[in-house]
Protein backbone atom coordinates (compact mmCIF):
# COMPACT_ATOMS: atom_id res chain seq x y z
CA MET A 1 135.90 98.13 65.83
CA ASN A 2 132.95 100.43 66.41
CA THR A 3 133.59 103.50 68.53
CA PHE A 4 130.95 104.98 70.81
CA PRO A 5 130.00 107.72 68.26
CA ASP A 6 129.50 104.97 65.64
CA LEU A 7 127.26 103.01 67.99
CA TRP A 8 125.36 106.19 68.86
CA ARG A 9 124.68 106.97 65.19
CA LYS A 10 123.41 103.44 64.58
CA SER A 11 121.25 103.30 67.68
CA ASP A 12 117.80 104.60 68.50
CA LYS A 13 118.91 107.97 69.88
CA PHE A 14 115.42 108.89 71.03
CA PHE A 15 115.11 105.67 73.03
CA LEU A 16 118.52 106.06 74.66
CA THR A 17 117.95 109.73 75.51
CA VAL A 18 114.52 109.16 77.08
CA VAL A 19 115.67 106.11 79.02
CA ALA A 20 118.70 108.05 80.29
CA ALA A 21 116.31 110.78 81.48
CA GLY A 22 114.19 108.10 83.16
CA VAL A 23 117.23 106.68 84.94
CA LEU A 24 118.25 110.16 86.09
CA LEU A 25 114.78 110.89 87.49
CA ARG A 26 114.80 107.62 89.40
CA VAL A 27 118.23 108.37 90.83
CA ILE A 28 116.98 111.81 91.91
CA TYR A 29 113.92 110.18 93.50
CA ILE A 30 116.07 107.69 95.44
CA ILE A 31 118.37 110.49 96.63
CA GLU A 32 115.35 112.50 97.82
CA TYR A 33 113.79 109.43 99.43
CA SER A 34 117.04 108.54 101.23
CA HIS A 35 116.71 111.67 103.37
CA PHE A 36 113.51 110.34 104.96
CA VAL A 37 113.56 108.18 108.07
CA ASN A 38 111.61 105.27 106.52
CA PHE A 39 113.87 104.85 103.45
CA ASP A 40 115.72 101.84 104.83
CA ILE A 41 112.93 100.41 106.98
CA ALA A 42 109.55 98.82 106.25
CA SER A 43 106.85 100.79 108.05
CA GLY A 44 103.13 101.22 107.71
CA ALA A 45 100.20 98.93 106.94
CA ASP A 46 100.70 96.21 104.30
CA VAL A 47 104.36 97.22 103.82
CA ARG A 48 105.26 95.95 107.27
CA GLU A 49 103.11 92.84 106.78
CA TYR A 50 104.89 91.92 103.53
CA PHE A 51 108.24 92.48 105.22
CA ASP A 52 107.27 90.34 108.22
CA ARG A 53 106.04 87.50 105.98
CA ALA A 54 109.31 87.60 104.03
CA SER A 55 111.24 87.52 107.32
CA GLU A 56 109.22 84.50 108.46
CA ILE A 57 110.01 82.72 105.18
CA ILE A 58 113.72 83.48 105.67
CA GLY A 59 113.39 81.89 109.11
CA GLY A 60 111.86 78.74 107.59
CA SER A 61 108.22 79.46 108.47
CA PHE A 62 106.27 79.22 105.21
CA PHE A 63 102.82 79.27 106.79
CA PRO A 64 101.56 81.99 109.16
CA GLU A 65 99.16 81.00 111.95
CA LYS A 66 96.20 82.08 109.78
CA PRO A 67 95.93 82.15 105.96
CA ASP A 68 97.72 85.10 104.35
CA ILE A 69 95.60 88.19 103.79
CA HIS A 70 98.04 89.07 100.98
CA GLY A 71 99.20 87.13 97.93
CA ILE A 72 102.07 84.74 98.66
CA PHE A 73 104.27 85.40 95.62
CA TYR A 74 105.52 88.86 96.58
CA PRO A 75 106.90 87.73 99.98
CA LEU A 76 108.59 84.84 98.15
CA PHE A 77 110.15 87.39 95.80
CA LEU A 78 111.11 89.63 98.72
CA ALA A 79 112.61 86.96 100.98
CA PRO A 80 115.78 86.13 98.97
CA LEU A 81 116.49 89.83 98.32
CA LEU A 82 116.31 90.58 102.05
CA ALA A 83 118.24 87.42 102.95
CA LEU A 84 121.09 88.35 100.57
CA THR A 85 121.27 92.10 101.19
CA GLN A 86 119.43 92.67 104.51
CA SER A 87 118.51 96.04 103.02
CA VAL A 88 115.07 97.54 102.40
CA ALA A 89 116.81 100.35 100.48
CA PHE A 90 118.26 97.79 98.04
CA VAL A 91 114.79 96.32 97.45
CA ARG A 92 113.44 99.78 96.62
CA CYS A 93 116.23 100.38 94.09
CA PHE A 94 115.89 96.89 92.60
CA GLN A 95 112.15 97.34 92.06
CA LEU A 96 112.74 100.65 90.28
CA ILE A 97 115.30 98.93 88.02
CA ILE A 98 113.09 95.98 87.01
CA ASP A 99 110.15 98.34 86.44
CA LEU A 100 112.23 100.54 84.12
CA ALA A 101 113.53 97.44 82.31
CA SER A 102 109.93 96.21 81.91
CA PHE A 103 108.84 99.40 80.16
CA CYS A 104 111.90 99.28 77.90
CA GLY A 105 110.90 95.73 77.00
CA LEU A 106 107.31 96.85 76.35
CA TYR A 107 108.57 99.62 74.05
CA PHE A 108 110.25 97.07 71.79
CA LEU A 109 107.43 94.55 72.18
CA LEU A 110 104.89 97.13 70.95
CA GLY A 111 107.04 97.45 67.85
CA LYS A 112 106.59 93.72 67.26
CA TYR A 113 102.83 94.32 67.53
CA SER A 114 103.12 96.89 64.67
CA VAL A 115 102.23 99.81 66.95
CA PRO A 116 103.36 103.00 65.10
CA LEU A 117 106.73 104.41 66.16
CA LYS A 118 105.22 107.77 67.14
CA VAL A 119 102.79 106.08 69.54
CA ARG A 120 105.58 103.96 71.02
CA ARG A 121 107.78 106.99 71.57
CA ILE A 122 105.05 108.89 73.40
CA PHE A 123 104.39 105.71 75.42
CA LEU A 124 108.07 105.64 76.39
CA LEU A 125 108.00 109.32 77.35
CA PHE A 126 105.10 108.67 79.73
CA ALA A 127 106.76 105.56 81.16
CA MET A 128 110.10 107.27 81.83
CA LEU A 129 109.04 110.80 82.77
CA TYR A 130 105.72 110.41 84.64
CA THR A 131 107.22 110.27 88.12
CA VAL A 132 104.10 110.01 90.31
CA ARG A 133 104.10 106.24 89.96
CA LEU A 134 107.66 105.99 91.34
CA PHE A 135 106.32 106.06 94.90
CA HIS A 136 104.40 102.80 94.52
CA THR A 137 107.14 101.29 92.37
CA ALA A 138 109.67 101.65 95.19
CA GLU A 139 107.33 100.54 97.99
CA LEU A 140 107.35 97.03 99.46
CA ILE A 141 103.89 96.17 98.11
CA SER A 142 102.76 93.39 95.78
CA GLU A 143 101.54 95.75 93.05
CA SER A 144 105.15 96.81 92.37
CA LEU A 145 105.78 93.32 90.96
CA LEU A 146 102.74 93.17 88.67
CA ILE A 147 104.11 95.22 85.75
CA PRO A 148 107.28 93.06 85.35
CA LEU A 149 105.10 89.93 85.49
CA ILE A 150 102.60 91.32 82.99
CA THR A 151 105.49 92.21 80.67
CA LEU A 152 106.57 88.55 80.76
CA VAL A 153 103.00 87.42 80.01
CA LEU A 154 102.76 89.76 77.01
CA THR A 155 106.14 88.55 75.73
CA MET A 156 104.93 84.95 75.91
CA PHE A 157 101.73 85.79 74.01
CA HIS A 158 103.76 87.51 71.30
CA LEU A 159 106.07 84.49 70.95
CA MET A 160 103.02 82.24 70.85
CA ARG A 161 101.68 84.12 67.83
CA THR A 162 104.96 84.46 65.93
CA ARG A 163 106.59 81.08 66.53
CA LYS A 164 104.00 78.60 65.37
CA THR A 165 106.12 75.51 66.00
CA LYS A 166 106.37 76.35 69.70
CA GLU A 167 103.04 78.10 70.25
CA LEU A 168 101.88 75.54 72.83
CA LEU A 169 105.11 75.93 74.80
CA TYR A 170 104.75 79.72 74.93
CA SER A 171 101.04 79.40 75.75
CA SER A 172 102.08 77.30 78.74
CA PHE A 173 104.63 79.89 79.85
CA ALA A 174 101.97 82.60 79.50
CA GLY A 175 99.78 80.53 81.83
CA VAL A 176 102.60 80.17 84.35
CA PHE A 177 103.37 83.91 84.47
CA THR A 178 99.65 84.79 84.60
CA ALA A 179 99.36 82.41 87.57
CA PHE A 180 102.18 84.34 89.24
CA THR A 181 100.20 87.58 88.79
CA ILE A 182 97.23 85.94 90.55
CA LEU A 183 99.49 84.65 93.33
CA THR A 184 100.86 88.20 93.64
CA HIS A 185 97.43 89.82 93.76
CA GLY A 186 94.27 87.72 93.83
CA ALA A 187 92.25 90.31 91.88
CA MET A 188 94.33 89.47 88.79
CA LEU A 189 92.11 86.40 88.41
CA LEU A 190 89.86 88.68 86.37
CA LEU A 191 92.76 89.46 84.02
CA ALA A 192 93.39 85.73 83.58
CA LEU A 193 89.74 85.20 82.61
CA LEU A 194 89.95 87.99 80.02
CA PHE A 195 93.13 86.45 78.57
CA ALA A 196 91.25 83.14 78.26
CA VAL A 197 88.36 84.90 76.47
CA MET A 198 90.90 86.58 74.15
CA LEU A 199 92.38 83.21 73.15
CA PHE A 200 88.89 81.78 72.66
CA ARG A 201 87.93 84.67 70.33
CA GLU A 202 91.13 84.10 68.35
CA LYS A 203 90.07 80.43 67.96
CA ARG A 204 93.32 79.21 69.47
CA LYS A 205 91.75 76.21 71.20
CA LYS A 206 94.98 74.30 71.85
CA CYS A 207 96.72 77.44 73.10
CA LEU A 208 93.75 78.13 75.38
CA LEU A 209 93.94 74.57 76.70
CA PHE A 210 97.67 74.77 77.51
CA PHE A 211 97.33 78.31 78.91
CA SER A 212 94.48 77.26 81.19
CA ALA A 213 96.13 74.00 82.23
CA THR A 214 99.38 75.60 83.41
CA LEU A 215 97.51 78.51 84.98
CA ILE A 216 95.32 76.13 86.99
CA ALA A 217 98.24 73.82 87.79
CA VAL A 218 100.47 76.56 89.24
CA THR A 219 97.72 78.45 91.05
CA GLY A 220 96.04 75.23 92.14
CA THR A 221 99.27 73.85 93.62
CA PHE A 222 99.60 76.84 95.94
CA VAL A 223 95.88 76.75 96.80
CA LEU A 224 95.98 73.00 97.47
CA ILE A 225 99.05 73.20 99.71
CA LYS A 226 97.51 76.05 101.73
CA SER A 227 94.14 74.32 101.96
CA VAL A 228 95.68 71.05 103.17
CA HIS A 229 97.82 72.90 105.71
CA TYR A 230 94.91 74.89 107.20
CA GLY A 231 92.34 72.11 106.84
CA LYS A 232 89.93 74.25 104.82
CA PHE A 233 89.70 75.78 101.36
CA CYS A 234 91.98 78.81 101.03
CA PHE A 235 92.22 81.05 97.98
CA VAL A 236 95.59 82.62 97.19
CA GLN A 237 94.83 85.33 99.76
CA ALA A 238 92.21 86.14 102.36
CA ASN A 239 90.45 89.43 103.22
CA GLY A 240 89.16 90.06 99.67
CA GLY A 241 85.66 90.03 101.11
CA PHE A 242 86.51 93.00 103.31
CA ASN A 243 87.68 95.06 100.32
CA PHE A 244 84.41 94.23 98.55
CA TYR A 245 82.46 95.28 101.66
CA LEU A 246 84.55 98.43 102.03
CA GLY A 247 83.49 99.55 98.56
CA ASN A 248 79.89 98.29 98.68
CA SER A 249 78.18 99.11 101.96
CA ALA A 250 76.04 101.83 103.47
CA LYS A 251 78.94 104.16 104.39
CA ALA A 252 81.13 103.36 101.37
CA ASP A 253 82.48 106.39 99.49
CA GLY A 254 84.53 104.49 96.90
CA THR A 255 87.87 104.83 98.71
CA CYS A 256 89.67 102.98 101.51
CA ARG A 257 87.77 105.10 104.03
CA ILE A 258 88.60 102.87 107.03
CA ARG A 259 92.27 103.40 107.64
CA PRO A 260 94.58 100.89 109.35
CA GLY A 261 94.22 101.34 113.08
CA LEU A 262 91.68 101.15 115.91
CA VAL A 263 88.45 101.18 113.84
CA TRP A 264 89.89 98.74 111.28
CA ARG A 265 90.93 96.24 113.98
CA ARG A 266 87.67 96.42 115.92
CA LEU A 267 85.64 95.91 112.76
CA HIS A 268 87.65 92.77 112.00
CA ILE A 269 87.44 91.47 115.58
CA GLU A 270 83.65 91.87 115.56
CA ALA A 271 83.47 90.17 112.15
CA GLU A 272 85.59 87.25 113.38
CA LYS A 273 83.30 86.74 116.38
CA GLU A 274 80.16 86.90 114.21
CA ALA A 275 81.67 84.59 111.59
CA GLU A 276 82.64 82.08 114.31
CA LYS A 277 79.05 82.01 115.59
CA LEU A 278 77.74 81.43 112.06
CA GLN A 279 80.57 78.96 111.34
CA ILE A 280 81.58 80.75 108.15
CA SER A 281 84.69 82.66 107.04
CA THR A 282 84.99 86.41 107.57
CA ASP A 283 85.28 86.83 103.77
CA ARG A 284 81.93 85.12 103.32
CA LEU A 285 80.44 87.26 106.09
CA PHE A 286 81.60 90.54 104.51
CA ILE A 287 80.49 89.49 101.02
CA GLY A 288 77.09 88.48 102.39
CA LYS A 289 76.63 91.87 104.05
CA SER A 290 77.59 93.64 100.81
CA LEU A 291 75.20 91.57 98.69
CA ARG A 292 72.32 92.25 101.12
CA TYR A 293 73.05 95.97 100.99
CA MET A 294 73.13 95.90 97.18
CA ALA A 295 69.87 93.91 96.98
CA GLU A 296 68.11 96.31 99.36
CA ASN A 297 69.59 99.48 97.78
CA PRO A 298 70.08 98.76 94.05
CA LEU A 299 70.12 102.42 92.99
CA LYS A 300 72.69 103.39 95.64
CA ALA A 301 74.81 100.39 94.72
CA ALA A 302 74.70 101.32 91.03
CA ALA A 303 75.58 104.92 91.90
CA GLY A 304 78.52 103.61 93.93
CA PHE A 305 79.84 101.65 90.95
CA CYS A 306 79.56 104.73 88.73
CA ARG A 307 81.31 106.84 91.34
CA LYS A 308 84.23 104.43 91.50
CA ALA A 309 84.45 104.27 87.71
CA VAL A 310 84.90 108.05 87.64
CA MET A 311 87.29 108.01 90.60
CA PHE A 312 89.59 105.62 88.73
CA PHE A 313 90.60 108.64 86.62
CA HIS A 314 91.03 110.96 89.62
CA TYR A 315 93.88 113.46 89.46
CA LYS A 316 95.11 112.36 92.90
CA GLU A 317 96.67 109.11 94.03
CA LEU A 318 93.83 108.01 96.31
CA ILE A 319 95.28 106.33 99.37
CA SER A 320 95.28 102.72 100.58
CA GLY A 321 97.56 100.93 103.03
CA ALA A 322 100.72 102.83 103.99
CA ASP A 323 100.47 105.54 101.36
CA PRO A 324 98.80 108.68 102.73
CA ALA A 325 99.08 111.77 100.55
CA GLY A 326 101.74 113.29 102.81
CA LEU A 327 104.09 110.42 101.94
CA ILE A 328 103.20 110.03 98.27
CA TYR A 329 103.87 113.68 97.41
CA ARG A 330 106.66 114.49 99.84
CA THR A 331 109.42 114.42 97.18
CA TYR A 332 109.80 117.14 94.55
CA SER A 333 110.36 114.55 91.84
CA VAL A 334 106.91 113.00 92.42
CA ARG A 335 105.12 116.33 92.83
CA ALA A 336 106.63 117.59 89.57
CA THR A 337 104.30 115.48 87.44
CA LYS A 338 101.28 115.36 89.76
CA PRO A 339 99.44 118.08 87.71
CA PHE A 340 99.53 115.83 84.64
CA THR A 341 97.65 112.90 86.19
CA LEU A 342 94.13 113.99 85.24
CA TRP A 343 95.31 114.91 81.74
CA LEU A 344 96.94 111.49 81.37
CA MET A 345 93.90 109.59 82.64
CA LEU A 346 91.44 111.40 80.39
CA LEU A 347 93.75 110.98 77.43
CA SER A 348 93.79 107.24 78.11
CA ILE A 349 90.00 106.85 78.08
CA THR A 350 89.87 109.04 74.96
CA GLY A 351 92.41 106.72 73.34
CA VAL A 352 90.32 103.65 74.22
CA VAL A 353 87.19 105.15 72.64
CA LEU A 354 89.04 106.26 69.49
CA ALA A 355 90.88 102.93 69.12
CA LEU A 356 87.62 100.98 69.35
CA LYS A 357 85.86 103.35 66.98
CA LYS A 358 88.62 103.26 64.37
CA LYS A 359 89.32 99.53 64.97
CA GLU A 360 93.00 100.28 65.41
CA LYS A 361 95.42 97.41 65.98
CA ILE A 362 96.03 97.86 69.68
CA PRO A 363 97.34 94.75 71.51
CA ASP A 364 94.34 92.86 72.92
CA GLU A 365 96.36 91.94 76.01
CA LEU A 366 96.78 95.60 77.00
CA PHE A 367 93.09 96.25 76.40
CA CYS A 368 92.32 93.27 78.68
CA LEU A 369 94.67 94.72 81.30
CA TYR A 370 92.95 98.11 81.17
CA VAL A 371 89.48 96.57 81.52
CA ALA A 372 90.52 94.15 84.28
CA VAL A 373 92.16 96.75 86.53
CA LEU A 374 89.32 99.23 85.98
CA ALA A 375 86.78 96.51 86.86
CA VAL A 376 88.65 95.57 90.04
CA ASN A 377 88.62 99.21 91.16
CA ILE A 378 84.90 99.48 90.39
CA LEU A 379 84.00 96.24 92.16
CA THR A 380 86.04 96.88 95.31
CA VAL A 381 87.57 100.26 96.13
CA THR A 382 89.52 102.78 94.08
CA SER A 383 93.03 103.95 94.86
CA GLY A 384 96.24 104.93 93.12
CA ARG A 385 97.82 101.70 94.30
CA TYR A 386 95.03 99.51 92.93
CA ARG A 387 95.12 101.18 89.50
CA TYR A 388 98.93 100.91 89.38
CA ALA A 389 99.01 97.72 87.27
CA ALA A 390 97.05 99.45 84.49
CA TYR A 391 99.78 102.00 83.70
CA PRO A 392 101.15 100.15 80.63
CA SER A 393 97.66 100.32 79.10
CA ILE A 394 97.05 103.88 80.33
CA PHE A 395 100.30 105.08 78.74
CA LEU A 396 99.61 103.29 75.45
CA PHE A 397 96.06 104.58 74.99
CA ALA A 398 97.06 108.10 76.08
CA ALA A 399 99.88 108.01 73.53
CA TYR A 400 97.49 106.82 70.83
CA ALA A 401 95.04 109.63 71.66
CA LEU A 402 97.78 112.24 71.28
CA THR A 403 98.54 111.00 67.76
CA VAL A 404 94.86 111.11 66.69
CA ILE A 405 93.52 114.29 68.31
CA PRO A 406 94.28 117.43 66.22
CA PRO A 407 97.33 119.31 67.58
CA LYS A 408 95.42 122.49 68.47
CA VAL A 409 92.81 120.54 70.41
CA THR A 410 95.58 118.61 72.13
CA VAL A 411 97.26 121.81 73.31
CA ILE A 412 94.01 123.28 74.66
CA PHE A 413 93.11 119.94 76.25
CA SER A 414 96.52 119.68 77.90
CA VAL A 415 96.55 123.23 79.28
CA ILE A 416 93.07 122.98 80.80
CA PHE A 417 93.45 119.63 82.51
CA THR A 418 96.98 120.31 83.69
CA ALA A 419 96.02 123.69 85.13
CA VAL A 420 93.01 122.39 87.09
CA PRO A 421 94.99 120.44 89.72
CA PHE A 422 98.17 122.49 89.39
CA PHE A 423 97.67 124.61 92.48
CA ALA A 424 96.76 121.54 94.53
CA SER A 425 100.19 120.12 93.76
CA TYR A 426 102.12 123.09 95.08
CA GLY A 427 103.99 122.23 98.26
CA ASN A 428 103.24 119.36 100.59
CA THR A 429 102.44 118.99 104.28
CA LEU A 430 102.52 115.84 106.35
CA ASP A 431 99.04 114.66 107.33
CA ASP A 432 98.31 112.86 110.61
CA GLU A 433 98.72 109.38 109.15
CA SER A 434 102.06 110.33 107.60
CA HIS A 435 103.31 111.55 110.98
CA ARG A 436 102.29 108.23 112.53
CA ILE A 437 104.06 106.13 109.88
CA LEU A 438 107.24 108.23 110.04
CA GLY A 439 107.09 108.19 113.84
CA GLU A 440 106.82 104.40 113.80
CA ALA A 441 109.77 104.17 111.39
CA ALA A 442 111.92 106.44 113.54
CA TYR A 443 110.94 104.52 116.68
CA ARG A 444 111.87 101.16 115.14
CA LYS A 445 115.20 102.59 113.96
CA GLY A 446 115.97 103.78 117.47
CA ASP A 447 115.76 107.48 116.59
CA HIS A 448 113.57 108.24 119.59
CA HIS A 449 113.94 112.01 119.34
CA ALA A 450 112.49 112.08 115.79
CA ALA A 451 109.85 109.52 116.79
CA PHE A 452 108.76 111.63 119.76
CA GLU A 453 108.43 114.72 117.55
CA HIS A 454 106.23 112.93 115.00
CA LEU A 455 104.08 111.07 117.54
CA THR A 456 103.35 113.95 119.91
CA VAL A 457 102.02 116.01 116.97
CA ILE A 458 99.21 113.51 116.38
CA ARG A 459 98.70 112.09 119.88
CA GLN A 460 95.11 113.31 120.10
CA LYS A 461 94.12 112.81 116.45
CA ASN A 462 95.22 109.57 114.84
CA ASP A 463 93.70 106.26 113.71
CA ASP A 464 95.93 104.16 115.97
CA PRO A 465 95.88 105.85 119.41
CA SER A 466 96.90 102.75 121.39
CA GLY A 467 99.85 102.12 119.07
CA VAL A 468 101.03 105.70 119.48
CA GLU A 469 100.67 105.51 123.28
CA ASN A 470 102.74 102.32 123.39
CA MET A 471 105.57 103.88 121.39
CA LEU A 472 105.52 107.07 123.45
CA GLY A 473 105.47 105.01 126.66
CA ASP A 474 108.57 103.09 125.60
CA ILE A 475 110.36 106.34 124.71
CA TYR A 476 109.51 107.80 128.13
CA SER A 477 110.70 104.58 129.79
CA ARG A 478 114.05 104.68 127.97
CA ASN A 479 114.48 108.31 129.05
CA GLY A 480 113.88 107.36 132.66
CA ASN A 481 110.42 108.92 133.01
CA VAL A 482 108.76 105.84 134.53
CA GLN A 483 105.57 107.61 135.63
CA ALA A 484 104.87 109.04 132.17
CA ALA A 485 105.58 105.63 130.64
CA ARG A 486 103.09 103.90 132.94
CA GLU A 487 100.45 106.51 132.11
CA CYS A 488 100.96 105.91 128.38
CA PHE A 489 100.69 102.13 128.71
CA SER A 490 97.63 102.39 130.95
CA ARG A 491 96.01 104.77 128.46
CA ALA A 492 96.76 102.28 125.66
CA ILE A 493 94.97 99.52 127.60
CA THR A 494 91.98 101.77 128.19
CA LEU A 495 91.80 102.70 124.50
CA GLU A 496 92.19 99.16 123.19
CA PRO A 497 92.11 96.47 125.91
CA GLU A 498 92.13 93.67 123.32
CA ARG A 499 95.73 94.40 122.21
CA TYR A 500 98.67 92.71 123.93
CA GLU A 501 101.43 95.32 123.55
CA ALA A 502 100.62 97.54 126.53
CA TYR A 503 100.34 94.54 128.89
CA MET A 504 103.76 93.35 127.71
CA ASN A 505 105.28 96.81 128.14
CA LEU A 506 103.86 97.22 131.64
CA ALA A 507 105.13 93.74 132.58
CA GLY A 508 108.63 94.70 131.48
CA MET A 509 108.76 97.62 133.91
CA THR A 510 106.92 95.96 136.83
CA LYS A 511 109.19 94.90 139.71
CA ASP A 512 106.59 92.72 141.40
CA ILE A 513 107.18 89.25 139.92
CA ALA A 514 103.62 88.00 140.45
CA GLU A 515 102.14 91.13 138.87
CA ALA A 516 104.57 90.94 135.94
CA ALA A 517 103.69 87.26 135.36
CA LYS A 518 99.98 88.17 135.40
CA LEU A 519 100.52 90.92 132.82
CA TYR A 520 102.47 88.54 130.58
CA ARG A 521 99.60 86.02 130.78
CA GLN A 522 97.16 88.76 129.79
CA ALA A 523 99.40 89.65 126.85
CA TYR A 524 99.45 86.02 125.64
CA GLU A 525 95.66 85.71 126.07
CA ARG A 526 95.29 88.62 123.64
CA GLY A 527 97.14 86.94 120.80
CA GLY A 528 100.66 87.79 121.87
CA ASN A 529 101.91 84.29 121.04
CA LYS A 530 102.21 85.54 117.43
CA SER A 531 104.58 88.30 118.54
CA GLY A 532 108.28 87.66 118.31
CA LEU A 533 108.94 90.60 120.64
CA LEU A 534 106.64 89.24 123.37
CA ASN A 535 108.28 85.81 123.23
CA ILE A 536 111.73 87.41 123.49
CA ASN A 537 110.71 89.63 126.42
CA TYR A 538 109.07 86.74 128.23
CA ALA A 539 112.20 84.63 127.70
CA LYS A 540 114.22 87.40 129.39
CA PHE A 541 111.71 87.37 132.25
CA LEU A 542 112.15 83.58 132.64
CA LEU A 543 115.93 83.97 132.63
CA MET A 544 115.60 86.49 135.45
CA LEU A 545 113.55 83.90 137.37
CA GLY A 546 116.27 81.30 136.82
CA LYS A 547 114.31 79.16 134.33
CA PRO A 548 116.70 78.89 131.36
CA HIS A 549 115.19 75.69 129.88
CA GLU A 550 111.76 77.34 129.59
CA ALA A 551 113.46 80.49 128.28
CA VAL A 552 115.00 78.45 125.44
CA ASN A 553 111.55 77.43 124.16
CA PHE A 554 110.20 81.00 124.11
CA SER A 555 113.44 82.34 122.63
CA ARG A 556 113.23 79.82 119.81
CA GLN A 557 109.69 80.98 119.07
CA GLY A 558 110.87 84.59 119.09
CA VAL A 559 113.71 83.80 116.69
CA SER A 560 111.37 81.95 114.30
CA LEU A 561 109.06 84.98 114.21
CA GLN A 562 111.88 87.54 113.97
CA PRO A 563 114.85 85.75 112.34
CA ARG A 564 116.65 89.03 111.59
CA ASN A 565 116.36 90.39 115.15
CA ALA A 566 119.84 90.37 116.71
CA ASP A 567 118.44 90.78 120.24
CA ALA A 568 116.29 87.67 119.74
CA TRP A 569 119.36 85.60 118.84
CA ASN A 570 121.32 87.05 121.76
CA THR A 571 118.51 86.14 124.18
CA LEU A 572 118.39 82.61 122.75
CA ALA A 573 122.17 82.36 123.13
CA VAL A 574 122.01 83.42 126.78
CA ALA A 575 119.27 80.85 127.42
CA TYR A 576 121.38 78.14 125.79
CA ALA A 577 124.42 79.19 127.82
CA TYR A 578 122.59 79.00 131.16
CA SER A 579 121.10 75.66 130.07
CA GLY A 580 124.63 74.32 129.58
CA ASN A 581 124.47 74.04 125.78
CA ILE A 582 127.61 76.03 125.01
CA ARG A 583 127.94 75.02 121.37
CA LEU A 584 124.41 76.21 120.45
CA ALA A 585 125.01 79.33 122.57
CA ALA A 586 128.17 80.12 120.58
CA ASP A 587 126.30 79.61 117.27
CA SER A 588 123.47 81.90 118.37
CA PHE A 589 125.89 84.57 119.65
CA GLU A 590 127.64 84.40 116.27
CA THR A 591 124.33 84.96 114.45
CA ALA A 592 123.50 87.92 116.73
CA SER A 593 126.95 89.40 116.10
CA ASN A 594 126.59 88.98 112.31
CA LEU A 595 123.18 90.68 112.35
CA ALA A 596 124.47 93.59 114.47
CA PRO A 597 128.26 93.78 113.93
CA GLU A 598 128.39 97.19 115.60
CA ASN A 599 127.21 95.76 118.94
CA ALA A 600 130.25 95.25 121.18
CA GLU A 601 128.28 93.23 123.75
CA TYR A 602 127.35 90.57 121.18
CA ARG A 603 131.00 90.31 120.06
CA LYS A 604 132.10 89.99 123.69
CA ASN A 605 129.54 87.25 124.34
CA LEU A 606 130.66 85.39 121.22
CA GLN A 607 134.28 85.63 122.28
CA MET A 608 133.46 84.28 125.77
CA MET A 609 131.54 81.32 124.36
CA THR A 610 134.27 80.58 121.82
CA GLN A 611 136.87 80.58 124.58
CA GLU A 612 134.68 78.34 126.75
CA LEU A 613 134.26 75.90 123.87
CA ALA A 614 138.02 75.86 123.35
CA ARG A 615 138.60 75.17 127.08
CA ARG A 616 136.08 72.32 127.07
CA ARG A 617 137.65 70.86 123.95
CA GLN A 618 141.08 71.04 125.56
CA ARG A 619 139.84 69.34 128.76
CA ARG A 620 138.19 66.62 126.69
CA MET A 621 141.44 66.02 124.81
CA GLN A 622 143.35 65.85 128.12
CA ARG A 623 140.94 63.23 129.52
CA MET A 624 141.29 61.17 126.34
CA MET A 625 145.10 61.31 126.60
CA GLN A 626 144.97 60.26 130.27
CA ARG A 627 142.85 57.20 129.38
CA LYS A 628 145.46 56.15 126.82
């Protein structure tokens, strides 16, 4: 029997040591992250949307009111994890684990591709020790799933080449997993096209046929189902036209310059109105505007593409969605390797040039990945999140460059490009957007003191002033300051009259029934029917008016939109109880109690309904006995 020392001597000590260091760094990152208010809650743009879609799927609603603006596969991946664990923190840890496992798999897969051991070891060092990417890995965003999926695709391509008797089978599996990457992020369609070109160049016609067939079948099935449901053609996700416009228009600077909030929403509302008049989709409208700009300003458009190509290698993680710099770099473990980003990026492009010049045997799939992700960032907008999927290729080409460049040059190169951004990485302060996201997270967790501190800091200078006013108004209301709450809600309506939240909040604190009903109607007219919270609050209003049957309908809608909201289930249970449906009331109280076991009121309600059911059952039995 082999002892541990025997196994250690026979094993790849370098691999085990580096992976152990990688695991330790990820544990440190999670420990650091756990001290922040948003660790166990989904907050911020995109992150919250993915979470809400997964929650809707858990509740049995597979189609939102409008086509998804994000790929469907990531919410499908997220839904069972949340249903089983009900923990955002678990999802973060799980994503870090499968990412680490993917890079371990790539390390061994590169060996099968005859990549030199020295290159593979440097690749592994980058993968395990470059901690900047841990932020996006642990976030609830679709890009976090791309590297595991790409690893599966590369594994299938390798098996296709090495197992000739089953090459068509593995080509088909490669097509399936590539389809999943497209369904995760629509821009990966470009990667699929490059894979097809790669197979064509290798003269693998049958493999290309099976790859393309399964790719089209899987992707097409999702597209067909969505298109039939909505009665119009729907790609795997909507809003791609906006990203193209964002990167190719008169005010474009190459980044996600329009942040989630007031300006973003108004731009989309105006686009929806214009698209409706022209009877076209908003994607088509934005793409048309971009193409006109490019036709009228060809030199500026070309300069914009060049700018984005350079920005892809930027030493910062350029922001997009819920990832402002204050959040990305707030942990010491991430900031520790921030100075190496520019060095790593320039090493990668150097490696590409040298590999092509020397005609080195670098896996074509990873070259395709590098080109595809770079092209997507050039065509749309550039950010750390959008270049995330390219890291396997970036690490490989950077590792190759380090083995080719003379050692002295490498040292000088490393010192210069690490020193340039070094001082920028020292320390970290929360920017305005970070304060807003953390304030929202604290508010949704019920930590109103922390929320108030974050939100008051940025009250006069944030991208979502009406959202901030609504949260502050609710905090004032809970603290008994009714006048301040009304002022906040009124200010929110003035700032953004097209949003429903402030009308709903004012209705909830208005004693005049007619006025409250009017405010609720105004909230629904502004799209509030898509809000689980509005439906729940309106159901409570109907219960107060003595209309339990109507309250049941709105409560059901609220539960379908927020299936993990204990208060929604409790409201539905109360509506059922007053409607005389005790059995359904007991079931709903039980669900509310399971979702919030610490809530004594829910347990008390459940106990009351259970006792009432038992009494009714006993009376029914007594009547049956009397008849006999």
